[in-house]
Each structure stands twice: as C-alpha cells, then as structure tokens.
N, C-alpha and C. Protein backbone atom coordinates (compact mmCIF):
# COMPACT_ATOMS: atom_id res chain seq x y z
N MET A 1 -39.39 -15.54 -6.32
CA MET A 1 -39.84 -16.78 -6.11
C MET A 1 -39.83 -17.54 -7.72
N LYS A 2 -39.52 -18.77 -7.82
CA LYS A 2 -39.12 -19.47 -9.09
C LYS A 2 -40.13 -20.29 -9.43
N GLN A 3 -40.66 -20.28 -10.23
CA GLN A 3 -42.00 -21.16 -11.15
C GLN A 3 -41.28 -22.65 -11.07
N LEU A 4 -41.98 -23.85 -10.41
CA LEU A 4 -41.57 -24.96 -11.27
C LEU A 4 -42.33 -25.86 -11.26
N ILE A 5 -42.52 -26.44 -12.66
CA ILE A 5 -43.27 -27.72 -12.66
C ILE A 5 -43.42 -29.30 -12.24
N VAL A 6 -44.23 -30.33 -11.46
CA VAL A 6 -44.05 -30.87 -10.88
C VAL A 6 -44.71 -31.29 -11.46
N ALA A 7 -43.75 -32.65 -12.68
CA ALA A 7 -44.47 -32.99 -13.73
C ALA A 7 -44.89 -33.88 -13.20
N THR A 8 -46.50 -34.62 -12.80
CA THR A 8 -47.27 -35.44 -12.35
C THR A 8 -48.17 -34.51 -11.90
N ALA A 9 -49.18 -35.82 -12.28
CA ALA A 9 -50.65 -35.73 -12.11
C ALA A 9 -51.40 -36.40 -10.62
N ASN A 10 -50.33 -37.07 -10.15
CA ASN A 10 -50.77 -37.91 -8.77
C ASN A 10 -50.49 -36.69 -7.61
N LYS A 11 -52.26 -36.59 -6.65
CA LYS A 11 -51.56 -35.34 -6.31
C LYS A 11 -50.98 -36.04 -4.98
N GLY A 12 -50.81 -37.42 -4.63
CA GLY A 12 -50.18 -37.64 -3.32
C GLY A 12 -48.70 -37.68 -3.64
N LYS A 13 -48.50 -37.73 -4.73
CA LYS A 13 -46.92 -37.53 -5.41
C LYS A 13 -47.08 -35.60 -5.21
N PHE A 14 -47.62 -35.49 -5.46
CA PHE A 14 -46.95 -33.66 -5.50
C PHE A 14 -47.23 -32.97 -4.29
N GLY A 15 -47.98 -33.37 -3.47
CA GLY A 15 -48.36 -33.35 -1.83
C GLY A 15 -47.16 -33.64 -0.70
N GLU A 16 -46.53 -34.59 -1.62
CA GLU A 16 -45.33 -35.58 -1.03
C GLU A 16 -44.17 -33.91 -1.40
N ILE A 17 -43.42 -33.44 -2.35
CA ILE A 17 -42.87 -33.31 -2.92
C ILE A 17 -43.46 -31.58 -2.51
N GLU A 18 -44.25 -30.80 -3.16
CA GLU A 18 -44.56 -29.91 -2.16
C GLU A 18 -44.08 -30.13 -0.67
N GLU A 19 -43.83 -30.57 0.28
CA GLU A 19 -44.00 -30.54 1.61
C GLU A 19 -42.39 -30.06 2.35
N ILE A 20 -41.62 -31.43 1.11
CA ILE A 20 -40.79 -30.90 1.28
C ILE A 20 -39.88 -29.97 0.82
N LEU A 21 -40.54 -29.63 -0.42
CA LEU A 21 -39.41 -28.56 -0.45
C LEU A 21 -40.16 -26.59 -0.18
N LYS A 22 -40.89 -27.12 0.55
CA LYS A 22 -42.07 -25.35 0.92
C LYS A 22 -40.88 -24.31 1.32
N ASP A 23 -39.67 -24.74 2.38
CA ASP A 23 -38.90 -23.48 2.75
C ASP A 23 -37.69 -23.13 1.28
N PHE A 24 -38.13 -23.89 0.35
CA PHE A 24 -37.39 -22.94 -0.96
C PHE A 24 -38.36 -21.71 -2.12
N PRO A 25 -38.05 -21.26 -2.53
CA PRO A 25 -38.36 -19.68 -3.06
C PRO A 25 -39.11 -20.41 -4.36
N LEU A 26 -39.53 -21.11 -3.75
CA LEU A 26 -40.37 -22.05 -4.85
C LEU A 26 -41.85 -21.81 -5.64
N GLN A 27 -42.10 -21.65 -6.55
CA GLN A 27 -43.94 -21.70 -7.40
C GLN A 27 -44.21 -23.02 -7.30
N LEU A 28 -44.10 -23.90 -6.87
CA LEU A 28 -44.80 -25.21 -7.36
C LEU A 28 -46.36 -25.28 -8.59
N SER A 29 -46.05 -25.76 -9.64
CA SER A 29 -47.27 -26.41 -9.95
C SER A 29 -47.44 -27.79 -10.69
N SER A 30 -48.68 -28.25 -10.97
CA SER A 30 -48.94 -29.53 -11.15
C SER A 30 -48.74 -29.54 -12.63
N LEU A 31 -49.07 -30.72 -13.03
CA LEU A 31 -49.49 -30.95 -14.46
C LEU A 31 -51.32 -29.90 -14.37
N HIS A 32 -51.61 -30.45 -13.74
CA HIS A 32 -52.98 -29.99 -13.48
C HIS A 32 -53.46 -28.79 -13.41
N ASP A 33 -52.47 -28.30 -13.21
CA ASP A 33 -52.15 -26.37 -13.06
C ASP A 33 -52.16 -26.32 -14.51
N ILE A 34 -51.57 -26.78 -15.54
CA ILE A 34 -51.53 -25.95 -16.39
C ILE A 34 -51.70 -26.78 -17.35
N TRP A 35 -52.49 -27.99 -17.46
CA TRP A 35 -53.31 -28.87 -18.61
C TRP A 35 -54.82 -29.15 -18.33
N ASP A 36 -55.67 -29.37 -19.19
CA ASP A 36 -56.74 -30.00 -18.59
C ASP A 36 -57.43 -30.07 -20.11
N PRO A 37 -57.41 -31.67 -20.68
CA PRO A 37 -56.78 -32.51 -19.92
C PRO A 37 -55.70 -32.54 -19.40
N VAL A 38 -55.23 -33.38 -19.28
CA VAL A 38 -53.75 -33.36 -18.78
C VAL A 38 -52.94 -34.46 -19.38
N PRO A 39 -52.06 -34.19 -19.96
CA PRO A 39 -51.65 -35.40 -21.28
C PRO A 39 -51.20 -36.39 -20.35
N GLN A 40 -51.08 -37.30 -21.31
CA GLN A 40 -49.89 -37.94 -20.55
C GLN A 40 -48.97 -38.46 -21.75
N ILE A 41 -47.64 -38.85 -20.59
CA ILE A 41 -46.08 -38.35 -21.21
C ILE A 41 -45.83 -39.90 -21.43
N PRO A 42 -45.24 -39.95 -22.77
CA PRO A 42 -45.10 -41.64 -22.64
C PRO A 42 -43.63 -41.97 -21.94
N GLU A 43 -43.60 -42.78 -21.34
CA GLU A 43 -42.11 -43.38 -20.48
C GLU A 43 -41.96 -44.65 -20.97
N THR A 44 -41.35 -44.06 -22.08
CA THR A 44 -40.65 -44.81 -23.16
C THR A 44 -39.01 -45.62 -22.35
N GLY A 45 -38.33 -45.36 -21.41
CA GLY A 45 -36.85 -45.00 -21.35
C GLY A 45 -36.90 -46.86 -20.07
N ASN A 46 -36.00 -47.40 -20.93
CA ASN A 46 -35.55 -48.30 -19.60
C ASN A 46 -34.81 -48.11 -18.48
N THR A 47 -35.12 -46.61 -17.78
CA THR A 47 -34.30 -46.85 -16.69
C THR A 47 -35.27 -46.27 -15.80
N PHE A 48 -34.99 -45.50 -14.53
CA PHE A 48 -36.00 -44.42 -13.63
C PHE A 48 -35.28 -43.36 -14.39
N PHE A 49 -33.47 -43.49 -14.34
CA PHE A 49 -32.85 -41.98 -14.87
C PHE A 49 -33.74 -41.35 -15.80
N GLU A 50 -33.81 -42.81 -17.37
CA GLU A 50 -34.42 -41.99 -18.74
C GLU A 50 -35.89 -41.72 -18.08
N ASN A 51 -36.40 -42.67 -18.57
CA ASN A 51 -37.72 -41.95 -17.84
C ASN A 51 -38.05 -40.92 -16.93
N ALA A 52 -37.60 -40.37 -16.21
CA ALA A 52 -37.48 -38.82 -15.16
C ALA A 52 -37.31 -37.85 -16.61
N CYS A 53 -36.39 -37.97 -16.78
CA CYS A 53 -35.34 -37.21 -18.24
C CYS A 53 -36.70 -36.81 -19.09
N ILE A 54 -37.62 -37.91 -19.14
CA ILE A 54 -38.08 -37.52 -20.76
C ILE A 54 -39.64 -37.48 -20.74
N LYS A 55 -39.61 -37.15 -19.43
CA LYS A 55 -40.96 -36.14 -18.65
C LYS A 55 -40.92 -34.52 -18.55
N ALA A 56 -39.02 -34.43 -17.33
CA ALA A 56 -38.68 -33.09 -17.90
C ALA A 56 -38.78 -32.94 -18.96
N ASP A 57 -38.29 -33.27 -20.09
CA ASP A 57 -38.30 -32.46 -21.48
C ASP A 57 -39.58 -32.39 -21.87
N TRP A 58 -40.31 -32.74 -21.69
CA TRP A 58 -40.82 -32.61 -22.24
C TRP A 58 -42.10 -31.56 -22.16
N VAL A 59 -42.33 -31.64 -21.01
CA VAL A 59 -42.77 -30.43 -19.84
C VAL A 59 -41.37 -28.69 -21.10
N PHE A 60 -40.85 -28.94 -20.14
CA PHE A 60 -39.47 -27.89 -20.67
C PHE A 60 -39.67 -27.18 -21.71
N SER A 61 -39.96 -28.62 -22.77
CA SER A 61 -39.48 -28.14 -24.19
C SER A 61 -41.28 -27.48 -23.83
N LYS A 62 -41.98 -27.63 -23.28
CA LYS A 62 -43.50 -27.30 -23.90
C LYS A 62 -44.27 -25.53 -23.08
N THR A 63 -43.10 -25.60 -21.91
CA THR A 63 -43.65 -23.83 -21.39
C THR A 63 -41.52 -23.58 -20.62
N SER A 64 -40.70 -24.33 -21.27
CA SER A 64 -39.14 -22.88 -20.72
C SER A 64 -39.63 -22.50 -19.35
N ILE A 65 -40.60 -23.44 -18.36
CA ILE A 65 -40.50 -23.19 -17.39
C ILE A 65 -39.53 -24.63 -16.48
N TRP A 66 -38.78 -24.28 -15.36
CA TRP A 66 -38.11 -25.00 -14.96
C TRP A 66 -39.23 -26.77 -14.36
N THR A 67 -38.92 -27.52 -14.56
CA THR A 67 -39.02 -28.66 -14.36
C THR A 67 -39.00 -29.59 -13.55
N LEU A 68 -39.74 -30.41 -12.52
CA LEU A 68 -38.96 -31.57 -12.03
C LEU A 68 -40.09 -32.80 -12.67
N ALA A 69 -39.10 -33.54 -12.46
CA ALA A 69 -40.31 -34.85 -12.85
C ALA A 69 -39.43 -35.93 -12.23
N ASP A 70 -39.62 -37.06 -11.87
CA ASP A 70 -39.67 -38.19 -10.77
C ASP A 70 -40.13 -39.47 -11.31
N ASP A 71 -39.40 -40.53 -11.58
CA ASP A 71 -39.63 -41.97 -12.13
C ASP A 71 -38.97 -42.78 -10.53
N SER A 72 -39.84 -43.19 -10.42
CA SER A 72 -39.94 -44.41 -9.44
C SER A 72 -40.75 -45.94 -9.25
N GLY A 73 -39.73 -46.75 -8.66
CA GLY A 73 -40.96 -47.66 -9.08
C GLY A 73 -40.39 -48.99 -7.50
N LEU A 74 -40.68 -49.83 -7.58
CA LEU A 74 -40.58 -51.22 -6.37
C LEU A 74 -40.04 -52.09 -7.20
N GLU A 75 -39.51 -52.19 -5.88
CA GLU A 75 -38.09 -53.82 -7.20
C GLU A 75 -37.91 -54.52 -6.05
N VAL A 76 -38.65 -56.02 -6.83
CA VAL A 76 -38.50 -56.99 -6.02
C VAL A 76 -37.95 -58.32 -5.93
N ASP A 77 -37.02 -58.29 -5.15
CA ASP A 77 -36.14 -59.52 -5.70
C ASP A 77 -36.33 -60.87 -6.15
N ALA A 78 -37.26 -61.21 -5.39
CA ALA A 78 -37.69 -62.86 -5.88
C ALA A 78 -38.51 -62.97 -6.73
N LEU A 79 -38.36 -61.53 -7.45
CA LEU A 79 -39.22 -61.56 -8.33
C LEU A 79 -38.23 -60.46 -10.08
N ASN A 80 -37.05 -60.50 -9.42
CA ASN A 80 -35.79 -60.49 -10.31
C ASN A 80 -35.67 -58.92 -10.34
N GLY A 81 -36.60 -57.40 -9.97
CA GLY A 81 -36.78 -56.48 -10.20
C GLY A 81 -38.03 -56.04 -11.07
N GLU A 82 -38.38 -57.47 -10.79
CA GLU A 82 -39.77 -56.88 -11.29
C GLU A 82 -40.20 -56.06 -10.17
N PRO A 83 -41.85 -55.09 -10.11
CA PRO A 83 -42.16 -54.66 -11.48
C PRO A 83 -41.17 -53.70 -12.12
N GLY A 84 -40.36 -53.01 -11.15
CA GLY A 84 -39.64 -51.92 -11.54
C GLY A 84 -40.07 -50.40 -12.07
N VAL A 85 -39.59 -50.40 -13.22
CA VAL A 85 -40.37 -49.14 -13.81
C VAL A 85 -41.42 -49.65 -14.61
N ARG A 86 -41.87 -50.57 -14.75
CA ARG A 86 -43.25 -50.82 -14.74
C ARG A 86 -43.84 -51.06 -13.99
N SER A 87 -43.85 -50.51 -12.55
CA SER A 87 -44.60 -50.36 -11.65
C SER A 87 -46.18 -49.71 -10.88
N ALA A 88 -45.91 -49.10 -12.60
CA ALA A 88 -47.59 -47.50 -12.96
C ALA A 88 -47.87 -48.47 -13.74
N ARG A 89 -47.75 -49.74 -14.36
CA ARG A 89 -48.45 -50.00 -15.46
C ARG A 89 -48.16 -51.73 -14.53
N TYR A 90 -48.26 -52.22 -13.38
CA TYR A 90 -48.14 -53.68 -13.89
C TYR A 90 -49.20 -54.58 -14.39
N ALA A 91 -50.10 -54.24 -13.50
CA ALA A 91 -51.51 -54.69 -14.18
C ALA A 91 -51.78 -53.86 -16.06
N GLY A 92 -50.67 -53.47 -16.56
CA GLY A 92 -51.25 -52.97 -17.41
C GLY A 92 -52.38 -51.17 -16.58
N GLU A 93 -52.97 -50.83 -17.89
CA GLU A 93 -53.22 -49.83 -17.81
C GLU A 93 -54.63 -49.73 -16.40
N HIS A 94 -54.58 -49.71 -15.67
CA HIS A 94 -55.47 -49.96 -14.35
C HIS A 94 -55.20 -49.62 -13.28
N SER A 95 -56.13 -49.58 -12.35
CA SER A 95 -55.54 -49.56 -11.27
C SER A 95 -54.17 -49.67 -10.16
N ASP A 96 -54.16 -48.67 -8.82
CA ASP A 96 -53.10 -49.13 -7.79
C ASP A 96 -53.96 -50.76 -6.93
N ILE A 97 -55.60 -50.71 -7.43
CA ILE A 97 -55.41 -51.82 -6.44
C ILE A 97 -54.76 -53.14 -7.33
N ASP A 98 -55.51 -53.04 -8.68
CA ASP A 98 -54.93 -53.86 -9.83
C ASP A 98 -53.35 -54.28 -9.80
N ASN A 99 -53.00 -53.64 -9.90
CA ASN A 99 -51.33 -53.28 -8.84
C ASN A 99 -50.67 -54.30 -7.99
N ASN A 100 -51.16 -54.31 -6.79
CA ASN A 100 -51.59 -54.22 -5.39
C ASN A 100 -51.38 -56.45 -5.90
N ASN A 101 -52.49 -56.52 -6.39
CA ASN A 101 -52.74 -57.95 -6.44
C ASN A 101 -52.10 -58.76 -7.63
N LYS A 102 -51.97 -58.30 -8.29
CA LYS A 102 -51.27 -58.71 -9.43
C LYS A 102 -49.88 -59.40 -8.29
N LEU A 103 -48.86 -57.76 -7.90
CA LEU A 103 -47.61 -57.56 -7.15
C LEU A 103 -48.24 -59.91 -6.32
N LEU A 104 -49.31 -59.47 -5.21
CA LEU A 104 -49.40 -60.68 -4.43
C LEU A 104 -49.89 -61.81 -4.88
N LYS A 105 -50.48 -62.16 -5.86
CA LYS A 105 -50.49 -62.78 -6.85
C LYS A 105 -49.43 -63.73 -7.97
N MET A 106 -48.03 -63.02 -7.68
CA MET A 106 -46.79 -62.99 -8.45
C MET A 106 -45.99 -64.02 -7.15
N LEU A 107 -46.76 -63.08 -5.98
CA LEU A 107 -45.46 -63.25 -4.55
C LEU A 107 -46.11 -64.70 -3.90
N SER A 108 -46.33 -65.21 -4.31
CA SER A 108 -47.64 -66.10 -3.08
C SER A 108 -46.70 -67.64 -3.13
N GLY A 109 -46.58 -67.80 -2.15
CA GLY A 109 -45.95 -69.15 -1.45
C GLY A 109 -44.80 -68.90 -1.31
N VAL A 110 -44.35 -67.06 -1.88
CA VAL A 110 -42.66 -67.44 -1.26
C VAL A 110 -42.86 -66.62 0.18
N PRO A 111 -41.90 -66.80 0.96
CA PRO A 111 -41.90 -67.06 2.51
C PRO A 111 -40.89 -65.21 2.91
N PRO A 112 -41.63 -65.01 3.83
CA PRO A 112 -41.60 -63.66 4.09
C PRO A 112 -39.66 -63.33 4.19
N LYS A 113 -38.65 -64.59 4.04
CA LYS A 113 -37.66 -64.18 4.53
C LYS A 113 -36.77 -64.05 3.05
N LYS A 114 -37.56 -63.89 1.87
CA LYS A 114 -37.52 -63.88 0.55
C LYS A 114 -38.59 -62.83 -0.30
N ARG A 115 -38.94 -62.49 0.69
CA ARG A 115 -40.04 -60.76 -0.17
C ARG A 115 -39.54 -59.71 -0.20
N SER A 116 -38.19 -59.31 0.12
CA SER A 116 -37.37 -58.22 0.19
C SER A 116 -37.52 -57.36 -0.97
N ALA A 117 -37.47 -56.00 -0.99
CA ALA A 117 -37.99 -54.71 -1.92
C ALA A 117 -37.46 -53.94 -1.39
N ARG A 118 -37.28 -52.67 -1.76
CA ARG A 118 -36.34 -51.82 -1.78
C ARG A 118 -37.74 -50.61 -2.86
N PHE A 119 -38.28 -49.24 -2.49
CA PHE A 119 -38.87 -48.00 -3.13
C PHE A 119 -36.79 -47.62 -4.35
N ARG A 120 -37.38 -47.06 -5.13
CA ARG A 120 -36.30 -46.83 -5.74
C ARG A 120 -37.23 -45.37 -6.62
N CYS A 121 -36.22 -44.27 -6.34
CA CYS A 121 -36.67 -43.03 -7.13
C CYS A 121 -35.56 -42.09 -7.69
N VAL A 122 -35.30 -41.65 -8.42
CA VAL A 122 -34.89 -40.78 -9.49
C VAL A 122 -35.41 -39.16 -9.84
N ILE A 123 -34.32 -37.82 -9.17
CA ILE A 123 -35.55 -37.41 -9.64
C ILE A 123 -34.42 -36.63 -10.48
N VAL A 124 -35.14 -35.30 -11.41
CA VAL A 124 -33.76 -34.40 -12.05
C VAL A 124 -34.99 -33.14 -11.89
N ILE A 125 -34.38 -31.68 -12.46
CA ILE A 125 -34.89 -30.43 -12.38
C ILE A 125 -34.66 -30.49 -13.70
N LYS A 126 -34.97 -29.95 -14.87
CA LYS A 126 -34.27 -29.16 -16.00
C LYS A 126 -34.41 -27.59 -15.66
N THR A 127 -33.57 -27.03 -15.90
CA THR A 127 -33.30 -25.34 -15.14
C THR A 127 -33.11 -25.08 -16.71
N GLU A 128 -32.17 -25.48 -17.92
CA GLU A 128 -32.45 -25.15 -18.37
C GLU A 128 -31.97 -25.99 -20.11
N THR A 129 -32.28 -25.82 -21.75
CA THR A 129 -32.11 -26.72 -21.86
C THR A 129 -31.12 -27.86 -22.54
N ASN A 130 -30.14 -27.79 -21.69
CA ASN A 130 -29.46 -29.04 -21.59
C ASN A 130 -28.89 -28.82 -20.37
N THR A 131 -29.50 -28.74 -18.79
CA THR A 131 -28.92 -28.46 -17.68
C THR A 131 -29.96 -29.03 -16.83
N TYR A 132 -29.67 -30.49 -15.91
CA TYR A 132 -30.27 -30.86 -15.39
C TYR A 132 -29.07 -30.87 -13.86
N ILE A 133 -30.64 -30.78 -12.61
CA ILE A 133 -29.63 -31.09 -11.03
C ILE A 133 -30.33 -32.89 -11.23
N THR A 134 -29.96 -33.87 -10.55
CA THR A 134 -30.35 -35.02 -10.31
C THR A 134 -30.17 -35.36 -9.09
N ALA A 135 -30.87 -36.34 -8.72
CA ALA A 135 -30.72 -36.64 -7.14
C ALA A 135 -31.61 -38.18 -7.46
N GLU A 136 -31.20 -39.28 -6.27
CA GLU A 136 -31.42 -40.50 -6.58
C GLU A 136 -32.24 -40.97 -4.48
N GLY A 137 -32.93 -41.68 -4.49
CA GLY A 137 -33.08 -42.05 -3.27
C GLY A 137 -33.58 -43.71 -3.29
N CYS A 138 -33.21 -44.66 -1.72
CA CYS A 138 -33.69 -45.85 -2.22
C CYS A 138 -34.10 -46.39 -0.19
N CYS A 139 -35.37 -46.73 -0.54
CA CYS A 139 -35.38 -47.09 0.50
C CYS A 139 -35.87 -48.89 1.04
N GLU A 140 -35.16 -49.61 1.50
CA GLU A 140 -35.01 -51.18 1.50
C GLU A 140 -36.50 -51.34 2.75
N GLY A 141 -37.28 -52.58 2.48
CA GLY A 141 -38.02 -53.46 2.95
C GLY A 141 -38.89 -54.67 3.01
N THR A 142 -39.55 -55.27 3.10
CA THR A 142 -40.00 -56.62 2.69
C THR A 142 -41.41 -56.43 2.29
N ILE A 143 -42.30 -57.20 1.34
CA ILE A 143 -43.41 -56.83 1.18
C ILE A 143 -43.99 -58.21 2.14
N ALA A 144 -45.84 -56.61 2.17
CA ALA A 144 -46.64 -58.04 3.67
C ALA A 144 -47.17 -58.89 2.09
N PHE A 145 -48.20 -59.30 2.64
CA PHE A 145 -48.97 -61.09 2.50
C PHE A 145 -50.38 -60.44 2.20
N GLY A 146 -50.15 -58.83 2.67
CA GLY A 146 -51.62 -58.43 2.33
C GLY A 146 -52.15 -56.85 2.16
N SER A 147 -52.49 -56.19 1.61
CA SER A 147 -53.13 -55.05 2.05
C SER A 147 -53.26 -54.10 3.64
N GLU A 148 -52.00 -53.64 3.65
CA GLU A 148 -52.72 -52.65 5.21
C GLU A 148 -52.48 -51.14 5.31
N GLY A 149 -53.94 -51.09 5.65
CA GLY A 149 -53.62 -49.07 5.94
C GLY A 149 -54.18 -49.15 4.29
N SER A 150 -55.10 -47.43 5.00
CA SER A 150 -55.19 -46.86 3.42
C SER A 150 -54.95 -45.30 3.49
N GLY A 151 -53.36 -44.95 4.17
CA GLY A 151 -52.91 -43.75 3.40
C GLY A 151 -51.81 -44.25 2.19
N GLY A 152 -51.33 -42.92 1.70
CA GLY A 152 -50.80 -43.45 1.26
C GLY A 152 -50.99 -43.21 -0.68
N PHE A 153 -50.17 -44.17 -1.48
CA PHE A 153 -51.13 -44.31 -2.80
C PHE A 153 -49.57 -45.34 -3.82
N GLY A 154 -50.44 -46.03 -4.79
CA GLY A 154 -49.44 -47.03 -5.40
C GLY A 154 -49.28 -47.91 -4.31
N TYR A 155 -47.90 -48.63 -4.06
CA TYR A 155 -47.76 -49.77 -3.35
C TYR A 155 -47.22 -49.56 -2.33
N ASP A 156 -47.77 -48.69 -0.71
CA ASP A 156 -47.48 -48.50 -0.26
C ASP A 156 -48.90 -49.08 0.82
N PRO A 157 -49.52 -49.88 0.53
CA PRO A 157 -50.13 -50.61 1.17
C PRO A 157 -49.25 -52.38 1.98
N LEU A 158 -48.84 -52.39 0.69
CA LEU A 158 -48.01 -53.91 0.79
C LEU A 158 -47.00 -53.61 1.53
N PHE A 159 -46.24 -52.69 1.45
CA PHE A 159 -44.38 -52.34 1.37
C PHE A 159 -44.55 -51.95 2.88
N ILE A 160 -43.03 -53.12 3.80
CA ILE A 160 -42.97 -52.45 5.48
C ILE A 160 -41.85 -52.08 5.11
N PRO A 161 -41.66 -50.67 5.53
CA PRO A 161 -40.02 -50.39 5.10
C PRO A 161 -39.13 -51.14 6.59
N LYS A 162 -38.11 -51.40 5.59
CA LYS A 162 -36.64 -51.92 6.34
C LYS A 162 -37.03 -50.52 8.47
N GLY A 163 -37.27 -51.72 9.57
CA GLY A 163 -36.43 -51.59 11.08
C GLY A 163 -38.31 -51.43 11.35
N PHE A 164 -39.80 -51.15 10.69
CA PHE A 164 -40.94 -51.41 10.96
C PHE A 164 -41.97 -52.28 10.17
N THR A 165 -42.79 -52.67 12.09
CA THR A 165 -43.54 -53.31 11.21
C THR A 165 -44.91 -52.76 10.40
N LYS A 166 -45.74 -51.41 10.25
CA LYS A 166 -46.50 -51.64 9.97
C LYS A 166 -46.00 -50.54 8.01
N THR A 167 -46.61 -50.99 6.98
CA THR A 167 -46.97 -50.38 5.77
C THR A 167 -46.83 -49.09 6.14
N PHE A 168 -46.21 -48.45 4.54
CA PHE A 168 -46.38 -47.63 4.26
C PHE A 168 -47.56 -46.97 4.25
N ALA A 169 -48.51 -47.19 4.16
CA ALA A 169 -50.19 -46.80 3.84
C ALA A 169 -50.70 -46.60 5.70
N GLN A 170 -49.20 -47.10 6.64
CA GLN A 170 -49.86 -47.40 7.95
C GLN A 170 -48.93 -46.21 8.91
N ILE A 171 -48.37 -46.12 8.25
CA ILE A 171 -47.12 -45.31 8.99
C ILE A 171 -47.44 -43.21 9.47
N GLY A 172 -48.53 -43.14 8.23
CA GLY A 172 -48.28 -41.61 8.31
C GLY A 172 -47.69 -41.13 6.90
N GLN A 173 -47.93 -39.84 6.81
CA GLN A 173 -47.02 -39.23 6.12
C GLN A 173 -46.20 -38.58 6.86
N GLY A 174 -46.43 -37.99 8.21
CA GLY A 174 -45.65 -37.19 8.05
C GLY A 174 -44.12 -37.96 8.45
N GLU A 175 -44.24 -39.93 8.86
CA GLU A 175 -43.01 -40.18 8.98
C GLU A 175 -42.43 -40.91 7.65
N LYS A 176 -43.35 -41.18 6.80
CA LYS A 176 -42.65 -41.45 5.39
C LYS A 176 -41.71 -40.25 4.71
N ASN A 177 -42.52 -39.29 4.90
CA ASN A 177 -41.55 -37.88 4.47
C ASN A 177 -39.95 -37.96 5.04
N ILE A 178 -39.64 -38.52 5.74
CA ILE A 178 -38.59 -38.84 6.56
C ILE A 178 -38.06 -40.41 5.76
N ILE A 179 -38.80 -40.73 5.65
CA ILE A 179 -37.89 -42.10 5.07
C ILE A 179 -38.67 -43.01 4.18
N SER A 180 -39.24 -42.57 3.07
CA SER A 180 -39.49 -42.77 2.10
C SER A 180 -38.24 -42.60 1.35
N HIS A 181 -38.36 -42.92 -0.32
CA HIS A 181 -37.54 -43.49 -1.38
C HIS A 181 -37.10 -41.63 -1.86
N ARG A 182 -38.73 -41.58 -1.81
CA ARG A 182 -38.79 -39.67 -2.54
C ARG A 182 -38.50 -38.84 -1.62
N ALA A 183 -38.23 -38.78 -0.40
CA ALA A 183 -38.06 -37.89 0.24
C ALA A 183 -35.93 -38.03 0.47
N LYS A 184 -35.41 -39.48 -0.22
CA LYS A 184 -34.10 -39.05 0.30
C LYS A 184 -33.20 -38.65 -0.78
N ALA A 185 -34.60 -39.09 -1.92
CA ALA A 185 -33.82 -38.49 -3.06
C ALA A 185 -34.36 -36.60 -3.56
N LEU A 186 -35.02 -36.13 -2.22
CA LEU A 186 -35.72 -34.69 -2.96
C LEU A 186 -34.79 -34.35 -1.05
N ASN A 187 -34.34 -34.97 -0.11
CA ASN A 187 -33.29 -34.57 1.09
C ASN A 187 -32.91 -33.88 -0.25
N SER A 188 -31.59 -35.20 -1.10
CA SER A 188 -30.20 -34.84 -1.63
C SER A 188 -30.26 -33.26 -2.87
N LEU A 189 -31.92 -33.54 -3.05
CA LEU A 189 -31.31 -32.65 -4.04
C LEU A 189 -31.52 -31.49 -3.57
N ARG A 190 -32.53 -31.15 -2.43
CA ARG A 190 -32.59 -29.82 -1.47
C ARG A 190 -31.17 -29.34 -1.35
N GLU A 191 -30.33 -29.69 -0.74
CA GLU A 191 -28.60 -30.08 -0.72
C GLU A 191 -27.73 -28.92 -1.60
N LYS A 192 -28.66 -29.68 -3.33
CA LYS A 192 -28.15 -28.96 -4.29
C LYS A 192 -28.55 -28.49 -5.17
N LEU A 193 -29.96 -27.54 -4.56
CA LEU A 193 -31.11 -26.52 -4.96
C LEU A 193 -30.38 -25.45 -3.87
N HIS A 194 -30.58 -25.70 -1.82
CA HIS A 194 -29.39 -24.66 -1.39
C HIS A 194 -28.06 -24.47 -2.28
N VAL A 195 -27.05 -24.68 -2.86
CA VAL A 195 -26.15 -24.33 -3.52
C VAL A 195 -26.94 -23.23 -4.23
N LEU A 196 -27.00 -24.32 -4.98
CA LEU A 196 -27.85 -23.27 -6.47
C LEU A 196 -28.66 -22.16 -5.74
N PHE A 197 -28.84 -21.25 -4.90
CA PHE A 197 -30.08 -20.49 -4.92
C PHE A 197 -28.78 -19.71 -3.94
N GLU A 198 -28.09 -19.91 -3.37
CA GLU A 198 -27.19 -19.01 -2.52
C GLU A 198 -26.01 -18.38 -4.16
N LYS A 199 -25.59 -18.88 -5.41
CA LYS A 199 -25.04 -18.39 -6.58
C LYS A 199 -25.36 -16.43 -6.35
C-alpha cells in the first residue's frame, strides 16, 4: 500500500476522496491523522491550481509522503465568477452558513435564468519534489433561492446541478459522487493513477 496524505481537515471532502479512490492500493490519511492541532496552510494563490500546489508542496515538504491536495470553489456568473478561490472564506473566517447567507444576499433580486454557476475543482498529487499529477473537474448548475437539504457541506444546500431539481445537499452522497466537480476531477485522476500503478 502506498501512503497518501489528503491535505484537508474537511471530513466530508476526505470521505468523498476516500470513496472514489478506494480500489487503489493507497492508504489515505487526512491532516487530522498527521497533526494535532491541524496546521493552517495559507492559500495565497490566485487560482485553484496555485492553491492546490501550495497545499501539496507544504505537506510534502514536511513529510516526504505522496500528497493529494485540491482547491475547489463556486463560480457564480452574476457575480463575475465570485466567490471563486475565496469560496471557503467568502464571509470571512466564519462558517458554511455565513457563506451561504452572504451568497443569497449578493444574489437578492437576481432572477432564475441569471443564477447560473459552476463548481470547479483542481486536484494535484505531489509524488516527488518536482513531480505532480493533475486533474480538473467542473459541474454546471444554478443557485437556489434558499438552502435546501441537510447533506453535503459548503454551498451544497444552494447548488442545483444541471439536469436536477434538487440541490447537492438533497440528492445523496452516492449520486453526488458521480456528478460532482470533485468526482469528475478524481475520475480523471483515476485514469492517470491506473497508468502510474501499471508501470
């Protein structure tokens, strides 16, 4: 089994990644498993890719263990792509509820046809000092007028994926793991891992 640290303290995100990569000979650990308290890794990049690399670099530099890091966020067209890379900190260092409430406030009065948005995810695995495996995924959808559902995390209660009438927080983890931005990025990553493990 190859050790792989997932550079997140988010249990929901770790669970998604663990489920999708479960058939690989990988022993996954989260930041919680390595550090107590969990370190705050500064995300100073201007893009999802830059932030993912920053996190992977930081953990790899401390452990020399393969590190998977992702950066993902919500891009809302009516807000010129915001919150984007600031998705987790949109309302400051607060909570998912605060972020959701701020987003709803920013979209107050915006009609359904103009509430288009997408979740975007960039994933990197750092395997050596200057070697990365990268993948990206995107899920198109719209923003609801209020929170719906109790599943998921982040903006899931507000995001209705294209082709659905329910939010990510309502459709269930199994279905979300098929259509989500992170699922698409991880499935792209899976193809690259298959090639790597077959060598």
